[in-house]
């Protein structure tokens, strides 16, 4: 095993003080260490976009070379359309 296969990014989901019921988006903040190459970071974000339906909203690069990106995706609120019966027959 080489050094590159042991590295992983740190995915941190921010906490909100008050979870709003009418929020249209889920948010995810991804901290990418400086040891991760641009190609690896791009592959990670592309995978998140394709399979998790995340959109890149903002990116920030720190002086040491670490990166932080903000991802969001639309919340799908699905309401039940059939006439569900609460009583058991």
Protein backbone atom coordinates (compact mmCIF):
# COMPACT_ATOMS: atom_id res chain seq x y z
CA UNK A 1 0.00 0.00 0.00
CA UNK A 2 1.32 3.40 -0.86
CA UNK A 3 0.86 6.68 0.97
CA UNK A 4 -1.82 7.95 -1.39
CA UNK A 5 -4.26 5.10 -0.75
CA UNK A 6 -4.25 5.68 3.02
CA UNK A 7 -5.28 9.34 2.80
CA UNK A 8 -8.87 10.36 3.21
CA UNK A 9 -10.73 13.62 3.37
CA UNK A 10 -12.59 14.79 6.41
CA UNK A 11 -16.27 15.32 5.75
CA UNK A 12 -17.94 17.53 8.31
CA UNK A 13 -21.65 18.28 8.29
CA UNK A 14 -22.31 21.62 9.95
CA UNK A 15 -24.86 21.81 12.73
CA UNK A 16 -27.56 24.42 12.74
CA UNK A 17 -28.75 26.07 15.91
CA UNK A 18 -32.37 25.70 14.91
CA UNK A 19 -33.25 23.21 12.21
CA UNK A 20 -35.75 24.98 10.01
CA UNK A 21 -38.54 22.82 8.66
CA UNK A 22 -38.89 24.90 5.50
CA UNK A 23 -35.21 24.71 4.49
CA UNK A 24 -34.89 23.81 0.83
CA UNK A 25 -31.30 22.58 0.99
CA UNK A 26 -29.04 20.12 2.80
CA UNK A 27 -25.54 21.43 3.38
CA UNK A 28 -22.21 19.62 3.65
CA UNK A 29 -18.81 21.15 4.36
CA UNK A 30 -15.82 19.16 3.11
CA UNK A 31 -12.35 19.87 4.52
CA UNK A 32 -9.62 18.66 2.18
CA UNK A 33 -6.11 18.38 3.68
CA UNK A 34 -3.19 19.87 1.81
CA UNK A 35 -1.72 16.41 1.14
CA UNK A 36 -4.61 15.62 -1.22
CA UNK A 37 -3.74 16.53 -4.81
CA UNK A 38 -5.98 18.64 -7.00
CA UNK A 39 -6.79 15.63 -9.16
CA UNK A 40 -7.87 13.60 -6.12
CA UNK A 41 -9.96 16.49 -4.77
CA UNK A 42 -11.61 16.93 -8.16
CA UNK A 43 -12.38 13.20 -8.31
CA UNK A 44 -13.92 13.32 -4.82
CA UNK A 45 -16.11 16.32 -5.66
CA UNK A 46 -17.13 14.83 -9.01
CA UNK A 47 -18.20 11.63 -7.27
CA UNK A 48 -20.21 13.61 -4.71
CA UNK A 49 -21.91 15.55 -7.52
CA UNK A 50 -22.75 12.50 -9.62
CA UNK A 51 -23.91 10.05 -6.99
CA UNK A 52 -24.97 12.28 -4.12
CA UNK A 53 -26.48 15.08 -6.23
CA UNK A 54 -24.40 17.70 -4.42
CA UNK A 55 -23.64 21.07 -6.01
CA UNK A 56 -20.46 23.03 -5.31
CA UNK A 57 -21.42 26.39 -3.85
CA UNK A 58 -18.22 27.84 -2.44
CA UNK A 59 -14.56 26.91 -2.11
CA UNK A 60 -11.85 28.38 0.07
CA UNK A 61 -8.10 27.78 0.02
CA UNK A 62 -6.09 28.36 3.17
CA UNK A 63 -2.50 29.60 3.42
CA UNK A 64 -1.13 26.13 4.29
CA UNK A 65 -2.73 24.61 1.19
CA UNK A 66 -5.76 23.00 2.82
CA UNK A 67 -9.11 23.54 1.12
CA UNK A 68 -12.69 23.78 2.34
CA UNK A 69 -15.68 23.45 0.04
CA UNK A 70 -19.38 23.94 0.69
CA UNK A 71 -21.80 21.60 -1.05
CA UNK A 72 -25.57 21.74 -1.09
CA UNK A 73 -28.41 19.73 -2.53
CA UNK A 74 -32.10 20.34 -2.79
CA UNK A 75 -34.29 18.62 -0.22
CA UNK A 76 -37.03 16.56 -1.78
CA UNK A 77 -40.14 16.85 0.39
CA UNK A 78 -42.49 14.14 -0.74
CA UNK A 79 -46.05 14.10 0.48
CA UNK A 80 -48.16 11.02 0.55
CA UNK A 81 -50.87 11.09 -2.12
CA UNK A 82 -52.82 7.94 -1.42
CA UNK A 83 -55.56 7.74 1.18
CA UNK A 84 -53.69 6.06 3.96
CA UNK A 85 -55.93 4.51 6.58
CA UNK A 86 -54.80 4.81 10.16
CA UNK A 87 -57.19 2.20 11.53
CA UNK A 88 -56.31 -1.47 11.13
CA UNK A 89 -59.02 -3.61 9.64
